């Protein structure tokens, strides 16, 4: 096969599916990974029809410790090598850290941190040896902003920290591999229209945000592909989020946290008002 292959986790919907389409649009074959095999099959058919690329379908659960090795082996058994990696699989763990079971927190860390590191550790050496590789770790703009209670409410206390680790990993790995033509990017989107907000219960709140707060998965994917192609280590999609990150860099931490609390109160008030209107109707 002459086409390069990109492994995309969390490819069944949202940002993962959009990144798969973006890579396909640039001539890459795909290895599509998620739990929902039917969704992966539909996406593979779409990519073949629209872009003429081939896709491997790998149904697996990255919250299981053995999943990364099974996934990489499945690609090798198909006679392919992995030239690109998009670490995107994920879900929030809503609720207070002190009020949730450790088994749930452990599963969250396996899915959101350990699986990412394990896949990179399995795949990056081959990229280095072949002197070509493209790695995107999907982080979050929340890792670049002051902590907020909304993170705990909808995504979990550990969410910003987990996403922060991915930024530092990407920065360090990019330095380690900069002479080997292996580009590593931390993609840091803000609120994005996807199923993620339905799963973690944030749909009502997100729906009440101003339109300029919301990104499309396609916008995020375009920004991510452009960044990793050009060797940009950290990419924040969207002008609004670029502005927020720039402001956060210059504000003292206590001021930033105070502003986040004010915004949370406004969002809570808006959500309450919307819920009241809906009930009245």
C-alpha atoms as a PDB file:
ATOM      1  CA  UNK A   1       0.000   0.000   0.000  1.00  0.00           C
ATOM      2  CA  UNK A   2       1.345   3.421  -0.909  1.00  0.00           C
ATOM      3  CA  UNK A   3      -0.959   5.487   1.289  1.00  0.00           C
ATOM      4  CA  UNK A   4      -0.025   6.310   4.839  1.00  0.00           C
ATOM      5  CA  UNK A   5      -2.297   5.107   7.645  1.00  0.00           C
ATOM      6  CA  UNK A   6      -3.560   7.076  10.643  1.00  0.00           C
ATOM      7  CA  UNK A   7      -4.954   5.385  13.749  1.00  0.00           C
ATOM      8  CA  UNK A   8      -7.828   7.409  15.227  1.00  0.00           C
ATOM      9  CA  UNK A   9      -9.319   6.533  18.610  1.00  0.00           C
ATOM     10  CA  UNK A  10     -12.780   7.665  19.596  1.00  0.00           C
ATOM     11  CA  UNK A  11     -13.575   7.713  15.890  1.00  0.00           C
ATOM     12  CA  UNK A  12     -17.272   6.863  16.061  1.00  0.00           C
ATOM     13  CA  UNK A  13     -18.489  10.457  16.488  1.00  0.00           C
ATOM     14  CA  UNK A  14     -17.601  14.082  17.199  1.00  0.00           C
ATOM     15  CA  UNK A  15     -14.019  15.298  16.961  1.00  0.00           C
ATOM     16  CA  UNK A  16     -12.661  11.800  16.334  1.00  0.00           C
ATOM     17  CA  UNK A  17     -14.889  11.201  13.315  1.00  0.00           C
ATOM     18  CA  UNK A  18     -14.129  14.703  12.022  1.00  0.00           C
ATOM     19  CA  UNK A  19     -10.372  14.100  12.306  1.00  0.00           C
ATOM     20  CA  UNK A  20     -10.760  10.803  10.470  1.00  0.00           C
ATOM     21  CA  UNK A  21     -12.514  12.668   7.650  1.00  0.00           C
ATOM     22  CA  UNK A  22      -9.802  15.332   7.634  1.00  0.00           C
ATOM     23  CA  UNK A  23      -7.000  12.789   7.302  1.00  0.00           C
ATOM     24  CA  UNK A  24      -8.976  10.925   4.634  1.00  0.00           C
ATOM     25  CA  UNK A  25      -9.447  14.179   2.746  1.00  0.00           C
ATOM     26  CA  UNK A  26      -5.646  14.445   2.600  1.00  0.00           C
ATOM     27  CA  UNK A  27      -5.226  10.927   1.250  1.00  0.00           C
ATOM     28  CA  UNK A  28      -4.612   8.891   4.392  1.00  0.00           C
ATOM     29  CA  UNK A  29      -6.005   5.433   5.042  1.00  0.00           C
ATOM     30  CA  UNK A  30      -7.501   4.989   8.495  1.00  0.00           C
ATOM     31  CA  UNK A  31      -7.596   2.571  11.387  1.00  0.00           C
ATOM     32  CA  UNK A  32     -10.810   3.507  13.161  1.00  0.00           C
ATOM     33  CA  UNK A  33     -11.099   2.645  16.848  1.00  0.00           C
ATOM     34  CA  UNK A  34     -14.102   2.918  19.169  1.00  0.00           C
ATOM     35  CA  UNK A  35     -16.504   0.663  21.036  1.00  0.00           C
ATOM     36  CA  UNK A  36     -19.392   1.080  18.569  1.00  0.00           C
ATOM     37  CA  UNK A  37     -18.500  -1.138  15.622  1.00  0.00           C
ATOM     38  CA  UNK A  38     -21.632  -0.224  13.676  1.00  0.00           C
ATOM     39  CA  UNK A  39     -20.730   3.472  13.738  1.00  0.00           C
ATOM     40  CA  UNK A  40     -17.182   2.687  12.601  1.00  0.00           C
ATOM     41  CA  UNK A  41     -18.530   0.639   9.704  1.00  0.00           C
ATOM     42  CA  UNK A  42     -20.741   3.487   8.563  1.00  0.00           C
ATOM     43  CA  UNK A  43     -17.838   5.932   8.747  1.00  0.00           C
ATOM     44  CA  UNK A  44     -15.539   3.563   6.834  1.00  0.00           C
ATOM     45  CA  UNK A  45     -18.105   3.291   4.035  1.00  0.00           C
ATOM     46  CA  UNK A  46     -18.457   7.073   3.922  1.00  0.00           C
ATOM     47  CA  UNK A  47     -14.694   7.609   3.720  1.00  0.00           C
ATOM     48  CA  UNK A  48     -14.349   5.011   0.955  1.00  0.00           C
ATOM     49  CA  UNK A  49     -17.171   6.523  -1.091  1.00  0.00           C
ATOM     50  CA  UNK A  50     -16.099  10.144  -0.662  1.00  0.00           C
ATOM     51  CA  UNK A  51     -12.300   9.939  -0.576  1.00  0.00           C
ATOM     52  CA  UNK A  52     -11.445   6.493  -1.951  1.00  0.00           C
ATOM     53  CA  UNK A  53      -9.433   5.508   1.134  1.00  0.00           C
ATOM     54  CA  UNK A  54      -9.437   2.206   2.999  1.00  0.00           C
ATOM     55  CA  UNK A  55     -10.205   1.783   6.688  1.00  0.00           C
ATOM     56  CA  UNK A  56      -9.529  -0.890   9.273  1.00  0.00           C
ATOM     57  CA  UNK A  57     -12.332  -1.226  11.804  1.00  0.00           C
ATOM     58  CA  UNK A  58     -11.161  -2.062  15.325  1.00  0.00           C
ATOM     59  CA  UNK A  59     -13.866  -2.264  17.979  1.00  0.00           C
ATOM     60  CA  UNK A  60     -12.248  -2.048  21.405  1.00  0.00           C
ATOM     61  CA  UNK A  61     -12.559  -0.293  24.754  1.00  0.00           C
ATOM     62  CA  UNK A  62      -9.556   1.824  25.713  1.00  0.00           C
ATOM     63  CA  UNK A  63     -10.616   1.872  29.349  1.00  0.00           C
ATOM     64  CA  UNK A  64      -9.308  -1.724  29.412  1.00  0.00           C
ATOM     65  CA  UNK A  65      -5.541  -1.938  30.087  1.00  0.00           C
ATOM     66  CA  UNK A  66      -4.892  -4.463  27.315  1.00  0.00           C
ATOM     67  CA  UNK A  67      -6.629  -2.462  24.581  1.00  0.00           C
ATOM     68  CA  UNK A  68      -3.613  -0.499  23.225  1.00  0.00           C
ATOM     69  CA  UNK A  69      -1.602  -3.660  22.553  1.00  0.00           C
ATOM     70  CA  UNK A  70      -4.615  -5.389  20.962  1.00  0.00           C
ATOM     71  CA  UNK A  71      -5.218  -2.391  18.707  1.00  0.00           C
ATOM     72  CA  UNK A  72      -1.612  -2.074  17.513  1.00  0.00           C
ATOM     73  CA  UNK A  73      -1.472  -5.833  16.915  1.00  0.00           C
ATOM     74  CA  UNK A  74      -4.663  -5.683  14.833  1.00  0.00           C
ATOM     75  CA  UNK A  75      -3.076  -3.104  12.540  1.00  0.00           C
ATOM     76  CA  UNK A  76       0.133  -5.136  12.232  1.00  0.00           C
ATOM     77  CA  UNK A  77      -1.836  -8.312  11.522  1.00  0.00           C
ATOM     78  CA  UNK A  78      -3.511  -6.462   8.644  1.00  0.00           C
ATOM     79  CA  UNK A  79      -0.072  -5.839   7.168  1.00  0.00           C
ATOM     80  CA  UNK A  80      -0.071  -2.103   7.819  1.00  0.00           C
ATOM     81  CA  UNK A  81       2.172   0.312   9.714  1.00  0.00           C
ATOM     82  CA  UNK A  82       0.965   3.312  11.697  1.00  0.00           C
ATOM     83  CA  UNK A  83       2.209   6.644  10.346  1.00  0.00           C
ATOM     84  CA  UNK A  84      -0.244   8.863  12.207  1.00  0.00           C
ATOM     85  CA  UNK A  85      -1.904   8.640  15.616  1.00  0.00           C
ATOM     86  CA  UNK A  86      -4.874  10.621  16.887  1.00  0.00           C
ATOM     87  CA  UNK A  87      -5.429  10.056  20.602  1.00  0.00           C
ATOM     88  CA  UNK A  88      -9.003  11.219  21.022  1.00  0.00           C
ATOM     89  CA  UNK A  89     -10.970   8.550  22.925  1.00  0.00           C
ATOM     90  CA  UNK A  90     -12.484   9.897  26.085  1.00  0.00           C
ATOM     91  CA  UNK A  91     -15.363  10.595  28.407  1.00  0.00           C
ATOM     92  CA  UNK A  92     -15.885  12.682  31.480  1.00  0.00           C
ATOM     93  CA  UNK A  93     -16.269  11.383  35.028  1.00  0.00           C
ATOM     94  CA  UNK A  94     -18.873  13.759  36.481  1.00  0.00           C
ATOM     95  CA  UNK A  95     -19.097  14.228  40.212  1.00  0.00           C
ATOM     96  CA  UNK A  96     -16.971  15.279  43.145  1.00  0.00           C
ATOM     97  CA  UNK A  97     -13.694  13.408  43.490  1.00  0.00           C
ATOM     98  CA  UNK A  98     -14.383  12.628  47.157  1.00  0.00           C
ATOM     99  CA  UNK A  99     -17.893  11.333  46.414  1.00  0.00           C
ATOM    100  CA  UNK A 100     -17.171   8.960  43.527  1.00  0.00           C
ATOM    101  CA  UNK A 101     -15.864   5.394  43.607  1.00  0.00           C
ATOM    102  CA  UNK A 102     -12.159   4.876  42.985  1.00  0.00           C
ATOM    103  CA  UNK A 103     -13.007   2.239  40.382  1.00  0.00           C
ATOM    104  CA  UNK A 104     -14.660   4.978  38.314  1.00  0.00           C
ATOM    105  CA  UNK A 105     -11.681   7.326  38.738  1.00  0.00           C
ATOM    106  CA  UNK A 106      -9.266   4.526  37.850  1.00  0.00           C
ATOM    107  CA  UNK A 107     -11.242   3.769  34.691  1.00  0.00           C
ATOM    108  CA  UNK A 108     -11.194   7.478  33.808  1.00  0.00           C
ATOM    109  CA  UNK A 109      -7.398   7.641  34.169  1.00  0.00           C
ATOM    110  CA  UNK A 110      -6.939   4.477  32.099  1.00  0.00           C
ATOM    111  CA  UNK A 111      -9.073   5.895  29.299  1.00  0.00           C
ATOM    112  CA  UNK A 112      -7.946   9.519  29.368  1.00  0.00           C
ATOM    113  CA  UNK A 113      -4.269   9.228  30.295  1.00  0.00           C
ATOM    114  CA  UNK A 114      -2.755   5.743  30.370  1.00  0.00           C
ATOM    115  CA  UNK A 115      -4.189   4.579  27.042  1.00  0.00           C
ATOM    116  CA  UNK A 116      -2.833   7.714  25.344  1.00  0.00           C
ATOM    117  CA  UNK A 117       0.639   7.190  26.793  1.00  0.00           C
ATOM    118  CA  UNK A 118       0.606   3.471  26.020  1.00  0.00           C
ATOM    119  CA  UNK A 119      -0.350   3.987  22.383  1.00  0.00           C
ATOM    120  CA  UNK A 120       2.331   6.638  21.923  1.00  0.00           C
ATOM    121  CA  UNK A 121       4.895   4.367  23.577  1.00  0.00           C
ATOM    122  CA  UNK A 122       3.969   1.492  21.256  1.00  0.00           C
ATOM    123  CA  UNK A 123       3.811   3.526  18.045  1.00  0.00           C
ATOM    124  CA  UNK A 124       6.365   6.362  18.297  1.00  0.00           C
ATOM    125  CA  UNK A 125       9.500   4.155  18.098  1.00  0.00           C
ATOM    126  CA  UNK A 126       8.444   2.916  14.656  1.00  0.00           C
ATOM    127  CA  UNK A 127       7.792   6.476  13.512  1.00  0.00           C
ATOM    128  CA  UNK A 128      11.229   7.498  14.732  1.00  0.00           C
ATOM    129  CA  UNK A 129      12.900   4.576  12.960  1.00  0.00           C
ATOM    130  CA  UNK A 130      11.131   5.416   9.672  1.00  0.00           C
ATOM    131  CA  UNK A 131      11.725   9.149  10.201  1.00  0.00           C
ATOM    132  CA  UNK A 132       8.092  10.078   9.722  1.00  0.00           C
ATOM    133  CA  UNK A 133       5.158  10.416  12.074  1.00  0.00           C
ATOM    134  CA  UNK A 134       2.235  12.647  12.993  1.00  0.00           C
ATOM    135  CA  UNK A 135       0.706  12.494  16.498  1.00  0.00           C
ATOM    136  CA  UNK A 136      -2.274  14.482  17.764  1.00  0.00           C
ATOM    137  CA  UNK A 137      -3.204  14.288  21.441  1.00  0.00           C
ATOM    138  CA  UNK A 138      -6.636  15.810  21.918  1.00  0.00           C
ATOM    139  CA  UNK A 139      -6.397  17.896  25.077  1.00  0.00           C
ATOM    140  CA  UNK A 140      -8.714  20.752  26.111  1.00  0.00           C
ATOM    141  CA  UNK A 141      -8.634  24.502  26.515  1.00  0.00           C
ATOM    142  CA  UNK A 142      -9.612  23.832  30.148  1.00  0.00           C
ATOM    143  CA  UNK A 143      -5.991  22.770  30.677  1.00  0.00           C
ATOM    144  CA  UNK A 144      -4.879  26.309  29.805  1.00  0.00           C
ATOM    145  CA  UNK A 145      -7.451  28.182  31.909  1.00  0.00           C
ATOM    146  CA  UNK A 146      -8.019  28.532  35.663  1.00  0.00           C
ATOM    147  CA  UNK A 147      -9.822  25.581  37.259  1.00  0.00           C
ATOM    148  CA  UNK A 148     -13.585  25.843  37.571  1.00  0.00           C
ATOM    149  CA  UNK A 149     -16.294  23.910  39.377  1.00  0.00           C
ATOM    150  CA  UNK A 150     -18.002  23.238  36.061  1.00  0.00           C
ATOM    151  CA  UNK A 151     -15.141  20.890  35.215  1.00  0.00           C
ATOM    152  CA  UNK A 152     -15.995  18.832  38.289  1.00  0.00           C
ATOM    153  CA  UNK A 153     -19.721  18.979  37.728  1.00  0.00           C
ATOM    154  CA  UNK A 154     -19.675  17.789  34.153  1.00  0.00           C
ATOM    155  CA  UNK A 155     -16.287  16.220  33.403  1.00  0.00           C
ATOM    156  CA  UNK A 156     -14.701  15.402  36.750  1.00  0.00           C
ATOM    157  CA  UNK A 157     -12.138  16.845  39.123  1.00  0.00           C
ATOM    158  CA  UNK A 158      -9.308  15.073  37.311  1.00  0.00           C
ATOM    159  CA  UNK A 159     -10.295  16.270  33.828  1.00  0.00           C
ATOM    160  CA  UNK A 160      -8.238  19.508  33.629  1.00  0.00           C
ATOM    161  CA  UNK A 161      -5.205  17.785  35.153  1.00  0.00           C
ATOM    162  CA  UNK A 162      -5.431  14.874  32.741  1.00  0.00           C
ATOM    163  CA  UNK A 163      -5.663  17.248  29.801  1.00  0.00           C
ATOM    164  CA  UNK A 164      -2.754  19.328  31.156  1.00  0.00           C
ATOM    165  CA  UNK A 165      -0.573  16.230  31.199  1.00  0.00           C
ATOM    166  CA  UNK A 166      -1.297  15.707  27.497  1.00  0.00           C
ATOM    167  CA  UNK A 167      -0.036  19.190  26.700  1.00  0.00           C
ATOM    168  CA  UNK A 168       3.223  18.667  28.587  1.00  0.00           C
ATOM    169  CA  UNK A 169       3.626  15.195  27.079  1.00  0.00           C
ATOM    170  CA  UNK A 170       3.183  16.644  23.589  1.00  0.00           C
ATOM    171  CA  UNK A 171       5.676  19.443  24.256  1.00  0.00           C
ATOM    172  CA  UNK A 172       8.323  17.074  25.627  1.00  0.00           C
ATOM    173  CA  UNK A 173       7.781  14.425  22.953  1.00  0.00           C
ATOM    174  CA  UNK A 174       7.944  17.029  20.192  1.00  0.00           C
ATOM    175  CA  UNK A 175      11.355  18.070  21.489  1.00  0.00           C
ATOM    176  CA  UNK A 176      12.497  14.463  21.780  1.00  0.00           C
ATOM    177  CA  UNK A 177      11.496  13.668  18.192  1.00  0.00           C
ATOM    178  CA  UNK A 178      12.125  17.007  16.478  1.00  0.00           C
ATOM    179  CA  UNK A 179      15.121  15.665  14.526  1.00  0.00           C
ATOM    180  CA  UNK A 180      13.211  12.580  13.357  1.00  0.00           C
ATOM    181  CA  UNK A 181      10.434  14.269  11.327  1.00  0.00           C
ATOM    182  CA  UNK A 182       7.844  13.198  13.900  1.00  0.00           C
ATOM    183  CA  UNK A 183       5.436  16.034  14.693  1.00  0.00           C
ATOM    184  CA  UNK A 184       3.463  16.027  17.944  1.00  0.00           C
ATOM    185  CA  UNK A 185       0.537  18.370  18.598  1.00  0.00           C
ATOM    186  CA  UNK A 186      -1.685  18.967  21.618  1.00  0.00           C
ATOM    187  CA  UNK A 187      -5.054  20.015  20.210  1.00  0.00           C
ATOM    188  CA  UNK A 188      -6.944  22.102  22.796  1.00  0.00           C
ATOM    189  CA  UNK A 189     -10.549  22.756  21.790  1.00  0.00           C
ATOM    190  CA  UNK A 190     -13.156  24.537  23.869  1.00  0.00           C
ATOM    191  CA  UNK A 191     -16.870  23.720  23.844  1.00  0.00           C
ATOM    192  CA  UNK A 192     -17.577  21.711  20.693  1.00  0.00           C
ATOM    193  CA  UNK A 193     -20.887  20.435  19.367  1.00  0.00           C
ATOM    194  CA  UNK A 194     -20.687  16.675  19.971  1.00  0.00           C
ATOM    195  CA  UNK A 195     -22.209  13.769  21.885  1.00  0.00           C
ATOM    196  CA  UNK A 196     -19.698  14.373  24.695  1.00  0.00           C
ATOM    197  CA  UNK A 197     -22.043  16.900  26.307  1.00  0.00           C
ATOM    198  CA  UNK A 198     -24.998  14.517  26.152  1.00  0.00           C
ATOM    199  CA  UNK A 199     -23.011  11.788  27.894  1.00  0.00           C
ATOM    200  CA  UNK A 200     -21.778  13.997  30.733  1.00  0.00           C
ATOM    201  CA  UNK A 201     -25.085  15.824  31.227  1.00  0.00           C
ATOM    202  CA  UNK A 202     -23.918  19.249  30.055  1.00  0.00           C
ATOM    203  CA  UNK A 203     -26.221  19.608  27.041  1.00  0.00           C
ATOM    204  CA  UNK A 204     -28.620  22.082  28.690  1.00  0.00           C
ATOM    205  CA  UNK A 205     -25.798  24.328  29.885  1.00  0.00           C
ATOM    206  CA  UNK A 206     -23.906  24.177  26.603  1.00  0.00           C
ATOM    207  CA  UNK A 207     -27.040  24.943  24.591  1.00  0.00           C
ATOM    208  CA  UNK A 208     -27.417  28.230  26.484  1.00  0.00           C
ATOM    209  CA  UNK A 209     -23.917  29.475  25.718  1.00  0.00           C
ATOM    210  CA  UNK A 210     -23.430  32.310  23.202  1.00  0.00           C
ATOM    211  CA  UNK A 211     -22.836  30.985  19.719  1.00  0.00           C
ATOM    212  CA  UNK A 212     -19.262  32.309  19.630  1.00  0.00           C
ATOM    213  CA  UNK A 213     -18.385  29.926  22.465  1.00  0.00           C
ATOM    214  CA  UNK A 214     -19.243  26.892  20.342  1.00  0.00           C
ATOM    215  CA  UNK A 215     -16.934  25.184  17.867  1.00  0.00           C
ATOM    216  CA  UNK A 216     -17.839  22.578  15.277  1.00  0.00           C
ATOM    217  CA  UNK A 217     -16.000  19.278  15.214  1.00  0.00           C
ATOM    218  CA  UNK A 218     -15.010  20.068  11.631  1.00  0.00           C
ATOM    219  CA  UNK A 219     -13.369  23.348  12.656  1.00  0.00           C
ATOM    220  CA  UNK A 220     -11.423  21.557  15.389  1.00  0.00           C
ATOM    221  CA  UNK A 221     -10.314  18.819  12.993  1.00  0.00           C
ATOM    222  CA  UNK A 222      -9.133  21.302  10.369  1.00  0.00           C
ATOM    223  CA  UNK A 223      -7.121  23.173  12.998  1.00  0.00           C
ATOM    224  CA  UNK A 224      -5.614  19.943  14.325  1.00  0.00           C
ATOM    225  CA  UNK A 225      -4.531  18.606  10.954  1.00  0.00           C
ATOM    226  CA  UNK A 226      -3.008  21.939   9.966  1.00  0.00           C
ATOM    227  CA  UNK A 227      -1.088  22.151  13.243  1.00  0.00           C
ATOM    228  CA  UNK A 228       0.379  18.656  13.174  1.00  0.00           C
ATOM    229  CA  UNK A 229       1.272  18.977   9.498  1.00  0.00           C
ATOM    230  CA  UNK A 230       3.240  22.160  10.193  1.00  0.00           C
ATOM    231  CA  UNK A 231       4.760  21.012  13.467  1.00  0.00           C
ATOM    232  CA  UNK A 232       2.798  23.356  15.731  1.00  0.00           C
ATOM    233  CA  UNK A 233       3.001  21.816  19.207  1.00  0.00           C
ATOM    234  CA  UNK A 234      -0.054  23.427  20.830  1.00  0.00           C
ATOM    235  CA  UNK A 235      -3.131  24.544  18.897  1.00  0.00           C
ATOM    236  CA  UNK A 236      -6.185  26.274  20.363  1.00  0.00           C
ATOM    237  CA  UNK A 237      -8.989  26.407  17.761  1.00  0.00           C
ATOM    238  CA  UNK A 238     -11.257  29.437  17.595  1.00  0.00           C
ATOM    239  CA  UNK A 239     -10.604  33.157  18.043  1.00  0.00           C
ATOM    240  CA  UNK A 240     -12.608  33.354  21.289  1.00  0.00           C
ATOM    241  CA  UNK A 241     -10.602  30.624  22.962  1.00  0.00           C
ATOM    242  CA  UNK A 242      -7.306  32.069  21.737  1.00  0.00           C
ATOM    243  CA  UNK A 243      -8.368  35.316  23.412  1.00  0.00           C
ATOM    244  CA  UNK A 244      -9.277  33.591  26.692  1.00  0.00           C
ATOM    245  CA  UNK A 245      -5.965  31.733  26.805  1.00  0.00           C
ATOM    246  CA  UNK A 246      -4.019  34.924  26.081  1.00  0.00           C
ATOM    247  CA  UNK A 247      -5.824  36.763  28.886  1.00  0.00           C
ATOM    248  CA  UNK A 248      -5.307  33.861  31.302  1.00  0.00           C
ATOM    249  CA  UNK A 249      -1.562  34.038  30.707  1.00  0.00           C
ATOM    250  CA  UNK A 250      -1.300  37.619  31.933  1.00  0.00           C
ATOM    251  CA  UNK A 251      -3.860  37.651  34.750  1.00  0.00           C
ATOM    252  CA  UNK A 252      -2.809  36.658  38.290  1.00  0.00           C
ATOM    253  CA  UNK A 253      -4.262  33.246  39.196  1.00  0.00           C
ATOM    254  CA  UNK A 254      -6.637  34.585  41.906  1.00  0.00           C
ATOM    255  CA  UNK A 255      -8.133  37.059  39.427  1.00  0.00           C
ATOM    256  CA  UNK A 256      -8.540  34.332  36.804  1.00  0.00           C
ATOM    257  CA  UNK A 257     -10.299  32.060  39.276  1.00  0.00           C
ATOM    258  CA  UNK A 258     -12.607  34.875  40.355  1.00  0.00           C
ATOM    259  CA  UNK A 259     -13.595  35.535  36.748  1.00  0.00           C
ATOM    260  CA  UNK A 260     -14.262  31.830  36.213  1.00  0.00           C
ATOM    261  CA  UNK A 261     -16.562  31.793  39.256  1.00  0.00           C
ATOM    262  CA  UNK A 262     -18.464  34.799  37.910  1.00  0.00           C
ATOM    263  CA  UNK A 263     -18.920  33.078  34.555  1.00  0.00           C
ATOM    264  CA  UNK A 264     -20.113  29.891  36.270  1.00  0.00           C
ATOM    265  CA  UNK A 265     -22.771  31.848  38.151  1.00  0.00           C
ATOM    266  CA  UNK A 266     -23.989  33.435  34.915  1.00  0.00           C
ATOM    267  CA  UNK A 267     -24.147  30.049  33.203  1.00  0.00           C
ATOM    268  CA  UNK A 268     -26.019  28.518  36.137  1.00  0.00           C
ATOM    269  CA  UNK A 269     -28.519  31.397  36.128  1.00  0.00           C
ATOM    270  CA  UNK A 270     -29.064  31.044  32.384  1.00  0.00           C
ATOM    271  CA  UNK A 271     -29.547  27.279  32.683  1.00  0.00           C
ATOM    272  CA  UNK A 272     -32.030  27.768  35.522  1.00  0.00           C
ATOM    273  CA  UNK A 273     -33.982  30.359  33.583  1.00  0.00           C
ATOM    274  CA  UNK A 274     -34.088  28.124  30.504  1.00  0.00           C
ATOM    275  CA  UNK A 275     -35.271  25.160  32.578  1.00  0.00           C
ATOM    276  CA  UNK A 276     -38.006  27.302  34.140  1.00  0.00           C
ATOM    277  CA  UNK A 277     -39.186  28.492  30.747  1.00  0.00           C
ATOM    278  CA  UNK A 278     -39.255  24.933  29.429  1.00  0.00           C
ATOM    279  CA  UNK A 279     -41.293  23.718  32.410  1.00  0.00           C
ATOM    280  CA  UNK A 280     -43.746  26.587  32.056  1.00  0.00           C
ATOM    281  CA  UNK A 281     -44.234  25.765  28.402  1.00  0.00           C
END
